[in-house]
Amino acid sequence: MTWSIRRALAVAVVAAAGGVVPVTAQQTAPPPPQVTVSGVVYGQYLYQLKDSLGAGDQNQFSIQRAYINVLGKFSGGLQTRVTGDLQPSGSGNQMLRLKYAFAAWTPTGSDLTYKLGLLHTPWLDWEEALWDYRMQGTMALDRNGYATAADFGAGIDGKWQDDQVNGQLTVVNGEGYSGGTGDNRKDVMARVSVRLVKTDDNSRVGGLRITGYAGVGKPTSGGTRNRFLGMLSYRSKQFTLAAEYAATKDTVTAPPVPETTGRVISAFGVYHVQSSGVTLIARVDVVDPNTSVSGDRQTRVIGGISYQVTPNLRVLADVDNLSYETTPTGLQDATRSRGLFQMQFTF
């Protein structure tokens, strides 16, 4: 072999080696993480329509909630979320606390997502997505102290056949994200939603659906904390209709409190006026804290009109009236009927 041939072969080997290294490194290097920051704010003006305490008509501006979301997406199906929750405190100031802080992992090709940390509970996150007007206030179970939106624990989310079946299972402390870590007792919560008929809304809450939820556990002081709920809902791009029935059972052992069996019935509707940003909303919540006694039933009626000013700004004018089966106390009467002008903006 001549010297020129040997030199040509050496140059070819060096060139090939130099070209292989970058290609290999490029194939094995993980994609850079994606971190996004977003937020949502709920503000309102409240006018008291009825006041029996002799203080006159009350009116006030306030920020009811402000959420800051930091979302991370990493290679291998890993996602993270941290959400700060700014809300009014009892002293009239604002209080900041964690709402969510969890890691989620979805294996490649899997229908399941595994979560660990301070995560959303199965029912309220799903129902609020269906109602879509959290800006008005919390849902019936949350507003009356029967459920919480987030808790510390572990969970599994699942969806199959393009969300025809959607579900979530969690094991959590049970005291909620603002109630501490509790004790050695844990609550188990599960939700399953099945789409019976498709509509033009292909989201996880879209279509004609039947949904069931169960939460079973014990409070920190011992006893029973059970919730069982069923819902029938229909959602398209133009309107939403839903009705739910929930049965509750609560006892406390330290100090002893007799078993209380309650009932919550809620129905709501949302109608989007075609070719406009106008939406009509209505909701009725009937809460009976103890079905064994009479006179404690409460009925809340909400009605209003909303306008989507821009994709990031929505306003709502509504009336929120709470009536009691028996004569309410002075404080209850003062907070019974309210006119509200509310806003939601996102960024």
Protein backbone atom coordinates (compact mmCIF):
# COMPACT_ATOMS: atom_id res chain seq x y z
CA MET A 1 0.00 0.00 0.00
CA THR A 2 1.44 3.30 -1.07
CA TRP A 3 1.90 6.25 1.26
CA SER A 4 -0.80 8.32 -0.50
CA ILE A 5 -3.38 5.56 -0.09
CA ARG A 6 -2.55 5.15 3.60
CA ARG A 7 -2.90 8.88 4.10
CA ALA A 8 -6.29 8.95 2.36
CA LEU A 9 -7.58 6.10 4.55
CA ALA A 10 -6.39 7.86 7.71
CA VAL A 11 -8.14 11.07 6.71
CA ALA A 12 -11.36 9.13 6.04
CA VAL A 13 -11.24 7.39 9.43
CA VAL A 14 -10.64 10.67 11.29
CA ALA A 15 -13.46 12.38 9.40
CA ALA A 16 -15.85 9.53 10.11
CA ALA A 17 -14.94 9.51 13.79
CA GLY A 18 -15.36 13.26 14.03
CA GLY A 19 -18.81 13.02 12.45
CA VAL A 20 -20.07 10.17 14.61
CA VAL A 21 -19.53 11.83 17.99
CA PRO A 22 -21.82 14.85 17.50
CA VAL A 23 -24.59 12.71 15.98
CA THR A 24 -24.52 10.27 18.89
CA ALA A 25 -24.51 13.07 21.45
CA GLN A 26 -27.39 14.73 19.64
CA GLN A 27 -29.47 11.54 19.73
CA THR A 28 -28.96 10.85 23.44
CA ALA A 29 -29.18 14.38 24.86
CA PRO A 30 -32.54 14.91 26.64
CA PRO A 31 -34.68 17.85 25.52
CA PRO A 32 -34.42 20.96 27.69
CA PRO A 33 -37.09 21.35 30.40
CA GLN A 34 -40.06 23.60 29.70
CA VAL A 35 -41.09 25.84 32.58
CA THR A 36 -44.11 28.16 32.27
CA VAL A 37 -45.63 30.65 34.68
CA SER A 38 -49.31 31.61 34.57
CA GLY A 39 -51.97 32.94 36.89
CA VAL A 40 -55.65 33.58 37.47
CA VAL A 41 -57.29 36.25 39.64
CA TYR A 42 -60.87 36.46 40.94
CA GLY A 43 -62.02 39.91 42.00
CA GLN A 44 -65.46 41.20 42.93
CA TYR A 45 -67.68 44.04 44.07
CA LEU A 46 -70.32 42.94 46.61
CA TYR A 47 -73.51 44.79 47.51
CA GLN A 48 -75.58 43.46 50.41
CA LEU A 49 -79.20 43.33 49.27
CA LYS A 50 -80.56 42.57 52.75
CA ASP A 51 -79.17 43.59 56.15
CA SER A 52 -81.09 43.10 59.39
CA LEU A 53 -78.26 44.07 61.77
CA GLY A 54 -78.95 47.79 61.59
CA ALA A 55 -75.63 48.55 59.90
CA GLY A 56 -77.19 49.64 56.62
CA ASP A 57 -76.40 48.37 53.16
CA GLN A 58 -72.89 46.95 52.94
CA ASN A 59 -70.73 47.14 49.82
CA GLN A 60 -67.08 46.30 49.23
CA PHE A 61 -64.42 45.59 46.63
CA SER A 62 -62.13 42.61 47.18
CA ILE A 63 -59.82 40.06 45.60
CA GLN A 64 -61.25 36.68 46.50
CA ARG A 65 -58.46 34.55 45.04
CA ALA A 66 -55.19 34.94 43.14
CA TYR A 67 -53.33 31.86 41.90
CA ILE A 68 -49.76 31.73 40.57
CA ASN A 69 -48.96 28.52 38.67
CA VAL A 70 -45.43 27.31 37.89
CA LEU A 71 -45.56 24.28 35.58
CA GLY A 72 -42.60 22.17 34.52
CA LYS A 73 -42.32 19.58 31.75
CA PHE A 74 -39.28 17.32 31.65
CA SER A 75 -38.05 14.37 29.64
CA GLY A 76 -39.32 10.89 30.41
CA GLY A 77 -42.93 11.98 31.02
CA LEU A 78 -42.20 13.93 34.23
CA GLN A 79 -44.28 17.01 35.05
CA THR A 80 -44.36 19.27 38.09
CA ARG A 81 -46.73 21.92 39.39
CA VAL A 82 -46.46 24.49 42.18
CA THR A 83 -49.42 26.82 42.81
CA GLY A 84 -49.54 29.63 45.32
CA ASP A 85 -52.98 30.66 46.62
CA LEU A 86 -53.53 34.25 47.76
CA GLN A 87 -56.83 34.74 49.59
CA PRO A 88 -58.44 37.02 52.20
CA SER A 89 -57.74 36.13 55.83
CA GLY A 90 -60.04 36.58 58.80
CA SER A 91 -58.22 39.77 59.79
CA GLY A 92 -59.00 41.47 56.50
CA ASN A 93 -55.48 41.04 55.11
CA GLN A 94 -54.30 38.70 52.37
CA MET A 95 -52.83 35.28 53.17
CA LEU A 96 -50.53 33.28 50.88
CA ARG A 97 -50.34 29.50 51.08
CA LEU A 98 -49.60 26.51 48.86
CA LYS A 99 -52.53 25.11 46.89
CA TYR A 100 -50.63 22.53 44.81
CA ALA A 101 -47.06 21.21 44.88
CA PHE A 102 -46.67 17.82 43.22
CA ALA A 103 -44.74 15.76 40.72
CA ALA A 104 -46.55 13.70 38.07
CA TRP A 105 -45.14 10.93 35.89
CA THR A 106 -46.78 9.46 32.79
CA PRO A 107 -44.85 6.47 31.40
CA THR A 108 -44.46 6.43 27.62
CA GLY A 109 -47.60 5.03 26.00
CA SER A 110 -49.44 4.69 29.33
CA ASP A 111 -53.03 5.75 30.07
CA LEU A 112 -52.11 6.37 33.71
CA THR A 113 -50.40 9.31 35.43
CA TYR A 114 -48.90 8.88 38.90
CA LYS A 115 -48.81 11.85 41.29
CA LEU A 116 -47.21 12.56 44.66
CA GLY A 117 -47.33 15.67 46.84
CA LEU A 118 -49.94 18.34 47.50
CA LEU A 119 -52.36 17.46 44.71
CA HIS A 120 -55.93 18.12 43.58
CA THR A 121 -58.61 15.82 44.96
CA PRO A 122 -60.77 13.84 42.51
CA TRP A 123 -64.13 15.61 42.70
CA LEU A 124 -63.86 19.40 42.93
CA ASP A 125 -61.21 19.85 40.24
CA TRP A 126 -63.40 17.90 37.81
CA GLU A 127 -66.69 19.59 38.78
CA GLU A 128 -65.21 23.09 38.57
CA ALA A 129 -63.98 22.32 35.05
CA LEU A 130 -67.54 21.29 34.10
CA TRP A 131 -69.21 24.34 35.72
CA ASP A 132 -66.48 26.72 34.48
CA TYR A 133 -67.60 29.57 36.76
CA ARG A 134 -65.38 29.18 39.80
CA MET A 135 -65.19 32.98 39.72
CA GLN A 136 -68.71 33.08 41.22
CA GLY A 137 -67.72 31.01 44.25
CA THR A 138 -66.98 27.47 45.36
CA MET A 139 -69.07 24.40 44.56
CA ALA A 140 -71.78 23.07 46.89
CA LEU A 141 -69.68 20.41 48.68
CA ASP A 142 -66.76 22.81 49.12
CA ARG A 143 -68.88 25.78 50.21
CA ASN A 144 -70.59 23.74 52.92
CA GLY A 145 -67.44 22.10 54.29
CA TYR A 146 -67.91 18.58 52.90
CA ALA A 147 -64.91 18.55 50.54
CA THR A 148 -61.62 20.27 49.84
CA ALA A 149 -59.97 21.00 46.51
CA ALA A 150 -56.44 19.81 47.42
CA ASP A 151 -54.72 17.57 49.95
CA PHE A 152 -51.37 15.93 50.74
CA GLY A 153 -51.01 12.40 49.38
CA ALA A 154 -50.55 10.21 46.32
CA GLY A 155 -52.83 9.53 43.40
CA ILE A 156 -53.36 8.03 39.96
CA ASP A 157 -55.14 9.75 37.07
CA GLY A 158 -56.41 7.72 34.15
CA LYS A 159 -58.08 8.35 30.81
CA TRP A 160 -59.01 5.88 28.11
CA GLN A 161 -60.29 6.09 24.53
CA ASP A 162 -59.94 9.85 24.16
CA ASP A 163 -61.47 10.56 27.59
CA GLN A 164 -64.49 8.34 27.08
CA VAL A 165 -63.57 7.07 30.53
CA ASN A 166 -61.84 9.47 32.91
CA GLY A 167 -60.98 8.77 36.52
CA GLN A 168 -58.82 9.56 39.52
CA LEU A 169 -57.87 7.70 42.69
CA THR A 170 -56.10 9.32 45.68
CA VAL A 171 -54.94 8.39 49.17
CA VAL A 172 -54.59 11.60 51.21
CA ASN A 173 -54.31 12.85 54.77
CA GLY A 174 -57.94 13.93 54.67
CA GLU A 175 -57.70 17.33 56.39
CA GLY A 176 -57.26 19.36 53.21
CA TYR A 177 -54.45 21.61 52.09
CA SER A 178 -55.21 24.12 54.85
CA GLY A 179 -55.96 21.65 57.65
CA GLY A 180 -52.52 20.24 58.45
CA THR A 181 -51.18 16.73 58.05
CA GLY A 182 -53.65 15.06 60.42
CA ASP A 183 -52.70 11.75 62.03
CA ASN A 184 -52.08 8.14 60.96
CA ARG A 185 -55.56 7.87 59.47
CA LYS A 186 -55.94 8.37 55.71
CA ASP A 187 -58.86 9.12 53.35
CA VAL A 188 -59.42 7.27 50.09
CA MET A 189 -61.16 9.21 47.29
CA ALA A 190 -62.11 7.98 43.83
CA ARG A 191 -64.01 9.34 40.82
CA VAL A 192 -65.02 7.68 37.54
CA SER A 193 -66.73 9.50 34.66
CA VAL A 194 -68.05 7.72 31.55
CA ARG A 195 -69.09 9.53 28.37
CA LEU A 196 -72.30 7.98 27.05
CA VAL A 197 -72.79 10.26 24.03
CA LYS A 198 -70.31 12.51 22.24
CA THR A 199 -70.84 16.22 21.54
CA ASP A 200 -68.76 18.92 19.87
CA ASP A 201 -66.98 19.36 23.23
CA ASN A 202 -64.26 16.71 23.27
CA SER A 203 -62.75 17.72 26.62
CA ARG A 204 -62.61 15.44 29.66
CA VAL A 205 -65.93 16.89 30.87
CA GLY A 206 -67.63 17.08 27.46
CA GLY A 207 -70.56 15.01 26.19
CA LEU A 208 -73.38 13.25 28.00
CA ARG A 209 -71.74 11.74 31.08
CA ILE A 210 -72.51 9.77 34.18
CA THR A 211 -70.07 10.30 37.03
CA GLY A 212 -69.64 8.72 40.43
CA TYR A 213 -67.51 9.76 43.38
CA ALA A 214 -66.75 8.21 46.76
CA GLY A 215 -64.67 9.50 49.65
CA VAL A 216 -64.15 7.35 52.74
CA GLY A 217 -62.05 8.25 55.76
CA LYS A 218 -61.78 9.34 59.38
CA PRO A 219 -61.15 12.80 60.84
CA THR A 220 -58.07 13.44 62.98
CA SER A 221 -60.08 13.08 66.18
CA GLY A 222 -61.51 9.73 65.06
CA GLY A 223 -64.94 8.88 63.74
CA THR A 224 -66.37 8.74 60.22
CA ARG A 225 -66.10 11.01 57.17
CA ASN A 226 -67.89 9.49 54.17
CA ARG A 227 -69.18 11.09 50.97
CA PHE A 228 -70.96 9.34 48.08
CA LEU A 229 -72.08 11.26 45.00
CA GLY A 230 -73.62 10.66 41.60
CA MET A 231 -73.98 13.12 38.71
CA LEU A 232 -75.58 13.20 35.27
CA SER A 233 -74.19 15.95 33.02
CA TYR A 234 -74.31 17.17 29.45
CA ARG A 235 -71.85 19.61 27.95
CA SER A 236 -71.44 20.97 24.45
CA LYS A 237 -69.80 24.16 23.21
CA GLN A 238 -73.14 25.99 23.51
CA PHE A 239 -74.55 24.81 26.84
CA THR A 240 -73.97 22.77 29.99
CA LEU A 241 -76.53 21.01 32.18
CA ALA A 242 -75.72 19.00 35.31
CA ALA A 243 -77.48 17.55 38.36
CA GLU A 244 -75.88 15.81 41.34
CA TYR A 245 -76.92 14.10 44.54
CA ALA A 246 -74.53 13.57 47.45
CA ALA A 247 -74.98 11.66 50.70
CA THR A 248 -72.73 12.50 53.65
CA LYS A 249 -72.07 10.79 56.96
CA ASP A 250 -69.99 12.27 59.80
CA THR A 251 -69.15 11.29 63.36
CA VAL A 252 -66.49 12.41 65.82
CA THR A 253 -65.17 10.25 68.69
CA ALA A 254 -63.07 12.78 70.63
CA PRO A 255 -65.05 14.49 71.99
CA PRO A 256 -68.00 12.26 71.04
CA VAL A 257 -70.42 13.71 68.47
CA PRO A 258 -73.44 11.66 67.31
CA GLU A 259 -73.56 10.43 63.73
CA THR A 260 -74.93 12.98 61.28
CA THR A 261 -76.32 11.96 57.91
CA GLY A 262 -76.59 14.81 55.43
CA ARG A 263 -77.68 15.41 51.87
CA VAL A 264 -76.54 17.84 49.17
CA ILE A 265 -78.42 18.35 45.91
CA SER A 266 -77.04 20.68 43.27
CA ALA A 267 -78.05 21.51 39.69
CA PHE A 268 -76.62 24.09 37.31
CA GLY A 269 -76.83 25.27 33.75
CA VAL A 270 -74.69 27.42 31.44
CA TYR A 271 -75.88 28.79 28.08
CA HIS A 272 -73.53 30.51 25.64
CA VAL A 273 -75.40 32.89 23.33
CA GLN A 274 -74.30 32.15 19.79
CA SER A 275 -72.02 34.59 17.98
CA SER A 276 -71.46 36.67 21.10
CA GLY A 277 -69.44 36.70 24.29
CA VAL A 278 -72.60 36.59 26.41
CA THR A 279 -73.34 33.64 28.71
CA LEU A 280 -76.26 32.98 31.06
CA ILE A 281 -75.68 30.94 34.23
CA ALA A 282 -77.98 29.49 36.88
CA ARG A 283 -77.45 27.20 39.85
CA VAL A 284 -79.42 25.79 42.79
CA ASP A 285 -77.83 24.14 45.85
CA VAL A 286 -80.01 22.44 48.47
CA VAL A 287 -78.12 21.40 51.63
CA ASP A 288 -79.66 19.37 54.46
CA PRO A 289 -76.92 18.96 57.11
CA ASN A 290 -78.94 16.44 59.15
CA THR A 291 -81.72 14.50 57.50
CA SER A 292 -82.87 13.20 60.90
CA VAL A 293 -84.05 16.61 62.05
CA SER A 294 -86.24 19.25 60.44
CA GLY A 295 -85.69 22.94 60.00
CA ASP A 296 -82.00 23.00 59.04
CA ARG A 297 -82.27 22.88 55.25
CA GLN A 298 -80.65 25.70 53.25
CA THR A 299 -81.32 26.61 49.63
CA ARG A 300 -78.96 28.76 47.57
CA VAL A 301 -80.08 30.19 44.21
CA ILE A 302 -77.56 31.80 41.85
CA GLY A 303 -78.37 33.52 38.59
CA GLY A 304 -76.36 35.85 36.40
CA ILE A 305 -75.06 37.01 33.04
CA SER A 306 -71.43 36.86 31.94
CA TYR A 307 -69.47 38.52 29.16
CA GLN A 308 -66.13 37.43 27.72
CA VAL A 309 -64.44 40.80 27.19
CA THR A 310 -61.19 39.32 25.83
CA PRO A 311 -59.72 35.79 25.86
CA ASN A 312 -58.05 36.73 29.18
CA LEU A 313 -60.85 38.71 30.85
CA ARG A 314 -64.37 37.59 31.82
CA VAL A 315 -66.91 39.54 33.88
CA LEU A 316 -70.05 38.33 35.65
CA ALA A 317 -73.04 40.12 37.19
CA ASP A 318 -75.12 37.84 39.40
CA VAL A 319 -77.40 37.52 42.41
CA ASP A 320 -76.62 34.99 45.16
CA ASN A 321 -79.54 34.34 47.50
CA LEU A 322 -79.45 31.93 50.45
CA SER A 323 -82.73 31.01 52.17
CA TYR A 324 -83.32 28.98 55.32
CA GLU A 325 -86.04 26.50 56.21
CA THR A 326 -86.48 28.19 59.59
CA THR A 327 -85.90 31.78 60.71
CA PRO A 328 -82.17 32.52 60.36
CA THR A 329 -80.04 34.22 62.95
CA GLY A 330 -79.21 37.90 62.56
CA LEU A 331 -75.80 37.17 61.05
CA GLN A 332 -77.25 34.64 58.60
CA ASP A 333 -79.95 37.12 57.58
CA ALA A 334 -77.33 39.79 56.96
CA THR A 335 -75.39 37.59 54.56
CA ARG A 336 -78.40 35.96 52.92
CA SER A 337 -78.91 37.94 49.72
CA ARG A 338 -76.10 39.55 47.73
CA GLY A 339 -75.61 41.28 44.41
CA LEU A 340 -72.20 40.67 42.86
CA PHE A 341 -70.12 42.02 40.03
CA GLN A 342 -67.18 39.67 39.52
CA MET A 343 -64.22 39.34 37.21
CA GLN A 344 -61.72 36.68 36.22
CA PHE A 345 -58.50 37.48 34.41
CA THR A 346 -55.72 35.13 33.40
CA PHE A 347 -52.15 35.71 32.32
